[in-house]
Amino acid sequence: KTKGANVIVKGLRVISDYERECQMA
C-alpha cells in the first residue's frame, strides 16, 4: 500500500513452494 503496488511477484521452485506461497497470497 505504501508503495502503490498492487502485485506481489513470487518465484516457485517446487510444488511445496506453491502451497506455502498460495497461503501467503
PDB file of all heavy atoms in Angstrom:
ATOM      1  N   LYS A   1       0.838  -1.207   0.000  1.00  0.00           N
ATOM      2  CA  LYS A   1       0.000   0.000   0.000  1.00  0.00           C
ATOM      3  C   LYS A   1       0.869   1.251   0.000  1.00  0.00           C
ATOM      4  O   LYS A   1       0.582   2.205  -0.727  1.00  0.00           O
ATOM      5  CB  LYS A   1      -0.915   0.023   1.222  1.00  0.00           C
ATOM      6  CG  LYS A   1      -2.080  -0.916   1.169  1.00  0.00           C
ATOM      7  CD  LYS A   1      -2.897  -0.777   2.455  1.00  0.00           C
ATOM      8  CE  LYS A   1      -3.944  -1.853   2.584  1.00  0.00           C
ATOM      9  NZ  LYS A   1      -4.668  -1.767   3.868  1.00  0.00           N
ATOM     10  N   THR A   2       1.908   1.265   0.820  1.00  0.00           N
ATOM     11  CA  THR A   2       2.751   2.467   0.925  1.00  0.00           C
ATOM     12  C   THR A   2       3.487   2.759  -0.374  1.00  0.00           C
ATOM     13  O   THR A   2       3.852   3.903  -0.632  1.00  0.00           O
ATOM     14  CB  THR A   2       3.782   2.363   2.070  1.00  0.00           C
ATOM     15  OG1 THR A   2       4.787   1.395   1.745  1.00  0.00           O
ATOM     16  CG2 THR A   2       3.120   2.024   3.397  1.00  0.00           C
ATOM     17  N   LYS A   3       3.701   1.735  -1.199  1.00  0.00           N
ATOM     18  CA  LYS A   3       4.428   1.899  -2.454  1.00  0.00           C
ATOM     19  C   LYS A   3       3.514   2.019  -3.671  1.00  0.00           C
ATOM     20  O   LYS A   3       3.995   2.172  -4.797  1.00  0.00           O
ATOM     21  CB  LYS A   3       5.399   0.731  -2.659  1.00  0.00           C
ATOM     22  CG  LYS A   3       6.513   0.683  -1.631  1.00  0.00           C
ATOM     23  CD  LYS A   3       7.379   1.923  -1.743  1.00  0.00           C
ATOM     24  CE  LYS A   3       8.525   1.913  -0.776  1.00  0.00           C
ATOM     25  NZ  LYS A   3       9.403   3.076  -0.966  1.00  0.00           N
ATOM     26  N   GLY A   4       2.212   1.915  -3.462  1.00  0.00           N
ATOM     27  CA  GLY A   4       1.277   1.984  -4.579  1.00  0.00           C
ATOM     28  C   GLY A   4       1.349   0.760  -5.480  1.00  0.00           C
ATOM     29  O   GLY A   4       0.988   0.823  -6.652  1.00  0.00           O
ATOM     30  N   ALA A   5       1.805  -0.343  -4.922  1.00  0.00           N
ATOM     31  CA  ALA A   5       1.934  -1.596  -5.683  1.00  0.00           C
ATOM     32  C   ALA A   5       0.674  -2.431  -5.513  1.00  0.00           C
ATOM     33  O   ALA A   5       0.100  -2.477  -4.430  1.00  0.00           O
ATOM     34  CB  ALA A   5       3.149  -2.384  -5.204  1.00  0.00           C
ATOM     35  N   ASN A   6       0.282  -3.101  -6.591  1.00  0.00           N
ATOM     36  CA  ASN A   6      -0.881  -3.978  -6.486  1.00  0.00           C
ATOM     37  C   ASN A   6      -0.566  -5.419  -6.883  1.00  0.00           C
ATOM     38  O   ASN A   6      -1.457  -6.234  -7.002  1.00  0.00           O
ATOM     39  CB  ASN A   6      -2.055  -3.432  -7.298  1.00  0.00           C
ATOM     40  CG  ASN A   6      -1.738  -3.295  -8.767  1.00  0.00           C
ATOM     41  OD1 ASN A   6      -0.594  -3.471  -9.185  1.00  0.00           O
ATOM     42  ND2 ASN A   6      -2.743  -2.986  -9.556  1.00  0.00           N
ATOM     43  N   VAL A   7       0.724  -5.719  -7.058  1.00  0.00           N
ATOM     44  CA  VAL A   7       1.130  -7.083  -7.401  1.00  0.00           C
ATOM     45  C   VAL A   7       2.366  -7.475  -6.597  1.00  0.00           C
ATOM     46  O   VAL A   7       3.312  -6.698  -6.483  1.00  0.00           O
ATOM     47  CB  VAL A   7       1.439  -7.227  -8.909  1.00  0.00           C
ATOM     48  CG1 VAL A   7       1.930  -8.633  -9.240  1.00  0.00           C
ATOM     49  CG2 VAL A   7       0.220  -6.880  -9.748  1.00  0.00           C
ATOM     50  N   ILE A   8       2.314  -8.686  -6.081  1.00  0.00           N
ATOM     51  CA  ILE A   8       3.473  -9.315  -5.448  1.00  0.00           C
ATOM     52  C   ILE A   8       3.955 -10.376  -6.421  1.00  0.00           C
ATOM     53  O   ILE A   8       3.157 -11.162  -6.935  1.00  0.00           O
ATOM     54  CB  ILE A   8       3.093  -9.992  -4.103  1.00  0.00           C
ATOM     55  CG1 ILE A   8       2.507  -8.987  -3.121  1.00  0.00           C
ATOM     56  CG2 ILE A   8       4.288 -10.735  -3.513  1.00  0.00           C
ATOM     57  CD1 ILE A   8       3.415  -7.868  -2.728  1.00  0.00           C
ATOM     58  N   VAL A   9       5.260 -10.409  -6.668  1.00  0.00           N
ATOM     59  CA  VAL A   9       5.849 -11.426  -7.541  1.00  0.00           C
ATOM     60  C   VAL A   9       6.558 -12.445  -6.656  1.00  0.00           C
ATOM     61  O   VAL A   9       7.334 -12.077  -5.771  1.00  0.00           O
ATOM     62  CB  VAL A   9       6.868 -10.800  -8.525  1.00  0.00           C
ATOM     63  CG1 VAL A   9       7.603 -11.877  -9.297  1.00  0.00           C
ATOM     64  CG2 VAL A   9       6.169  -9.834  -9.467  1.00  0.00           C
ATOM     65  N   LYS A  10       6.261 -13.713  -6.900  1.00  0.00           N
ATOM     66  CA  LYS A  10       6.921 -14.790  -6.156  1.00  0.00           C
ATOM     67  C   LYS A  10       7.439 -15.834  -7.136  1.00  0.00           C
ATOM     68  O   LYS A  10       6.735 -16.230  -8.058  1.00  0.00           O
ATOM     69  CB  LYS A  10       5.936 -15.464  -5.181  1.00  0.00           C
ATOM     70  CG  LYS A  10       5.402 -14.553  -4.095  1.00  0.00           C
ATOM     71  CD  LYS A  10       6.478 -13.993  -3.181  1.00  0.00           C
ATOM     72  CE  LYS A  10       7.024 -15.073  -2.278  1.00  0.00           C
ATOM     73  NZ  LYS A  10       7.778 -14.600  -1.138  1.00  0.00           N
ATOM     74  N   GLY A  11       8.662 -16.263  -6.915  1.00  0.00           N
ATOM     75  CA  GLY A  11       9.238 -17.341  -7.703  1.00  0.00           C
ATOM     76  C   GLY A  11       8.944 -18.672  -7.041  1.00  0.00           C
ATOM     77  O   GLY A  11       8.974 -18.776  -5.811  1.00  0.00           O
ATOM     78  N   LEU A  12       8.651 -19.666  -7.840  1.00  0.00           N
ATOM     79  CA  LEU A  12       8.348 -21.009  -7.316  1.00  0.00           C
ATOM     80  C   LEU A  12       9.339 -22.007  -7.891  1.00  0.00           C
ATOM     81  O   LEU A  12       9.483 -22.101  -9.109  1.00  0.00           O
ATOM     82  CB  LEU A  12       6.929 -21.430  -7.696  1.00  0.00           C
ATOM     83  CG  LEU A  12       5.790 -20.542  -7.225  1.00  0.00           C
ATOM     84  CD1 LEU A  12       4.463 -21.062  -7.774  1.00  0.00           C
ATOM     85  CD2 LEU A  12       5.743 -20.460  -5.717  1.00  0.00           C
ATOM     86  N   ARG A  13      10.008 -22.750  -7.008  1.00  0.00           N
ATOM     87  CA  ARG A  13      10.953 -23.773  -7.469  1.00  0.00           C
ATOM     88  C   ARG A  13      10.316 -25.157  -7.524  1.00  0.00           C
ATOM     89  O   ARG A  13      10.543 -25.912  -8.446  1.00  0.00           O
ATOM     90  CB  ARG A  13      12.176 -23.817  -6.547  1.00  0.00           C
ATOM     91  CG  ARG A  13      13.047 -22.586  -6.650  1.00  0.00           C
ATOM     92  CD  ARG A  13      14.181 -22.640  -5.668  1.00  0.00           C
ATOM     93  NE  ARG A  13      13.602 -22.591  -4.330  1.00  0.00           N
ATOM     94  CZ  ARG A  13      14.216 -22.956  -3.231  1.00  0.00           C
ATOM     95  NH1 ARG A  13      15.438 -23.409  -3.263  1.00  0.00           N
ATOM     96  NH2 ARG A  13      13.627 -22.875  -2.061  1.00  0.00           N
ATOM     97  N   VAL A  14       9.579 -25.485  -6.497  1.00  0.00           N
ATOM     98  CA  VAL A  14       8.968 -26.824  -6.388  1.00  0.00           C
ATOM     99  C   VAL A  14       7.522 -26.676  -5.927  1.00  0.00           C
ATOM    100  O   VAL A  14       7.103 -25.614  -5.466  1.00  0.00           O
ATOM    101  CB  VAL A  14       9.762 -27.720  -5.397  1.00  0.00           C
ATOM    102  CG1 VAL A  14      11.145 -28.051  -5.946  1.00  0.00           C
ATOM    103  CG2 VAL A  14       9.881 -27.066  -4.032  1.00  0.00           C
ATOM    104  N   ILE A  15       6.756 -27.746  -6.024  1.00  0.00           N
ATOM    105  CA  ILE A  15       5.324 -27.700  -5.704  1.00  0.00           C
ATOM    106  C   ILE A  15       5.076 -27.307  -4.247  1.00  0.00           C
ATOM    107  O   ILE A  15       4.105 -26.622  -3.944  1.00  0.00           O
ATOM    108  CB  ILE A  15       4.613 -29.040  -6.064  1.00  0.00           C
ATOM    109  CG1 ILE A  15       3.090 -28.853  -6.065  1.00  0.00           C
ATOM    110  CG2 ILE A  15       5.003 -30.138  -5.108  1.00  0.00           C
ATOM    111  CD1 ILE A  15       2.592 -28.000  -7.184  1.00  0.00           C
ATOM    112  N   SER A  16       5.960 -27.680  -3.334  1.00  0.00           N
ATOM    113  CA  SER A  16       5.770 -27.303  -1.927  1.00  0.00           C
ATOM    114  C   SER A  16       5.859 -25.790  -1.756  1.00  0.00           C
ATOM    115  O   SER A  16       5.231 -25.226  -0.858  1.00  0.00           O
ATOM    116  CB  SER A  16       6.771 -28.022  -1.024  1.00  0.00           C
ATOM    117  OG  SER A  16       8.089 -27.704  -1.404  1.00  0.00           O
ATOM    118  N   ASP A  17       6.617 -25.095  -2.605  1.00  0.00           N
ATOM    119  CA  ASP A  17       6.645 -23.632  -2.582  1.00  0.00           C
ATOM    120  C   ASP A  17       5.253 -23.084  -2.865  1.00  0.00           C
ATOM    121  O   ASP A  17       4.820 -22.116  -2.240  1.00  0.00           O
ATOM    122  CB  ASP A  17       7.602 -23.071  -3.646  1.00  0.00           C
ATOM    123  CG  ASP A  17       9.072 -23.204  -3.304  1.00  0.00           C
ATOM    124  OD1 ASP A  17       9.399 -23.581  -2.161  1.00  0.00           O
ATOM    125  OD2 ASP A  17       9.887 -22.918  -4.198  1.00  0.00           O
ATOM    126  N   TYR A  18       4.546 -23.699  -3.815  1.00  0.00           N
ATOM    127  CA  TYR A  18       3.223 -23.215  -4.200  1.00  0.00           C
ATOM    128  C   TYR A  18       2.256 -23.255  -3.022  1.00  0.00           C
ATOM    129  O   TYR A  18       1.526 -22.292  -2.780  1.00  0.00           O
ATOM    130  CB  TYR A  18       2.654 -24.023  -5.368  1.00  0.00           C
ATOM    131  CG  TYR A  18       1.251 -23.603  -5.716  1.00  0.00           C
ATOM    132  CD1 TYR A  18       1.013 -22.421  -6.421  1.00  0.00           C
ATOM    133  CD2 TYR A  18       0.157 -24.354  -5.306  1.00  0.00           C
ATOM    134  CE1 TYR A  18      -0.279 -22.007  -6.713  1.00  0.00           C
ATOM    135  CE2 TYR A  18      -1.136 -23.948  -5.587  1.00  0.00           C
ATOM    136  CZ  TYR A  18      -1.347 -22.778  -6.292  1.00  0.00           C
ATOM    137  OH  TYR A  18      -2.630 -22.372  -6.565  1.00  0.00           O
ATOM    138  N   GLU A  19       2.247 -24.340  -2.281  1.00  0.00           N
ATOM    139  CA  GLU A  19       1.325 -24.471  -1.161  1.00  0.00           C
ATOM    140  C   GLU A  19       1.544 -23.364  -0.131  1.00  0.00           C
ATOM    141  O   GLU A  19       0.598 -22.717   0.309  1.00  0.00           O
ATOM    142  CB  GLU A  19       1.475 -25.844  -0.509  1.00  0.00           C
ATOM    143  CG  GLU A  19       1.013 -26.978  -1.402  1.00  0.00           C
ATOM    144  CD  GLU A  19       1.298 -28.351  -0.813  1.00  0.00           C
ATOM    145  OE1 GLU A  19       1.752 -28.441   0.352  1.00  0.00           O
ATOM    146  OE2 GLU A  19       1.074 -29.342  -1.520  1.00  0.00           O
ATOM    147  N   ARG A  20       2.795 -23.136   0.228  1.00  0.00           N
ATOM    148  CA  ARG A  20       3.135 -22.111   1.213  1.00  0.00           C
ATOM    149  C   ARG A  20       2.836 -20.706   0.669  1.00  0.00           C
ATOM    150  O   ARG A  20       2.235 -19.878   1.351  1.00  0.00           O
ATOM    151  CB  ARG A  20       4.612 -22.247   1.596  1.00  0.00           C
ATOM    152  CG  ARG A  20       5.105 -21.267   2.624  1.00  0.00           C
ATOM    153  CD  ARG A  20       6.551 -21.533   3.051  1.00  0.00           C
ATOM    154  NE  ARG A  20       7.410 -22.100   2.042  1.00  0.00           N
ATOM    155  CZ  ARG A  20       8.059 -21.391   1.097  1.00  0.00           C
ATOM    156  NH1 ARG A  20       7.930 -20.089   1.051  1.00  0.00           N
ATOM    157  NH2 ARG A  20       8.835 -21.990   0.222  1.00  0.00           N
ATOM    158  N   GLU A  21       3.241 -20.465  -0.562  1.00  0.00           N
ATOM    159  CA  GLU A  21       3.062 -19.136  -1.156  1.00  0.00           C
ATOM    160  C   GLU A  21       1.593 -18.825  -1.445  1.00  0.00           C
ATOM    161  O   GLU A  21       1.177 -17.672  -1.349  1.00  0.00           O
ATOM    162  CB  GLU A  21       3.899 -18.993  -2.429  1.00  0.00           C
ATOM    163  CG  GLU A  21       5.394 -19.030  -2.188  1.00  0.00           C
ATOM    164  CD  GLU A  21       5.920 -17.901  -1.306  1.00  0.00           C
ATOM    165  OE1 GLU A  21       5.203 -16.907  -1.075  1.00  0.00           O
ATOM    166  OE2 GLU A  21       7.065 -18.009  -0.843  1.00  0.00           O
ATOM    167  N   CYS A  22       0.822 -19.820  -1.772  1.00  0.00           N
ATOM    168  CA  CYS A  22      -0.610 -19.615  -2.003  1.00  0.00           C
ATOM    169  C   CYS A  22      -1.290 -19.179  -0.702  1.00  0.00           C
ATOM    170  O   CYS A  22      -2.105 -18.253  -0.698  1.00  0.00           O
ATOM    171  CB  CYS A  22      -1.244 -20.892  -2.546  1.00  0.00           C
ATOM    172  SG  CYS A  22      -2.896 -20.637  -3.203  1.00  0.00           S
ATOM    173  N   GLN A  23      -0.922 -19.806   0.382  1.00  0.00           N
ATOM    174  CA  GLN A  23      -1.460 -19.427   1.687  1.00  0.00           C
ATOM    175  C   GLN A  23      -1.102 -17.976   2.010  1.00  0.00           C
ATOM    176  O   GLN A  23      -1.947 -17.195   2.459  1.00  0.00           O
ATOM    177  CB  GLN A  23      -0.915 -20.370   2.760  1.00  0.00           C
ATOM    178  CG  GLN A  23      -1.466 -20.123   4.134  1.00  0.00           C
ATOM    179  CD  GLN A  23      -0.897 -21.102   5.152  1.00  0.00           C
ATOM    180  OE1 GLN A  23       0.186 -21.643   4.993  1.00  0.00           O
ATOM    181  NE2 GLN A  23      -1.634 -21.312   6.216  1.00  0.00           N
ATOM    182  N   MET A  24       0.148 -17.585   1.748  1.00  0.00           N
ATOM    183  CA  MET A  24       0.583 -16.208   1.991  1.00  0.00           C
ATOM    184  C   MET A  24      -0.165 -15.227   1.086  1.00  0.00           C
ATOM    185  O   MET A  24      -0.559 -14.146   1.526  1.00  0.00           O
ATOM    186  CB  MET A  24       2.093 -16.078   1.771  1.00  0.00           C
ATOM    187  CG  MET A  24       2.940 -16.779   2.803  1.00  0.00           C
ATOM    188  SD  MET A  24       2.687 -16.141   4.465  1.00  0.00           S
ATOM    189  CE  MET A  24       3.245 -14.473   4.268  1.00  0.00           C
ATOM    190  N   ALA A  25      -0.364 -15.613  -0.176  1.00  0.00           N
ATOM    191  CA  ALA A  25      -1.072 -14.749  -1.120  1.00  0.00           C
ATOM    192  C   ALA A  25      -2.500 -14.482  -0.649  1.00  0.00           C
ATOM    193  O   ALA A  25      -2.994 -13.348  -0.736  1.00  0.00           O
ATOM    194  CB  ALA A  25      -1.081 -15.375  -2.509  1.00  0.00           C
TER     195      ALA A  25
END
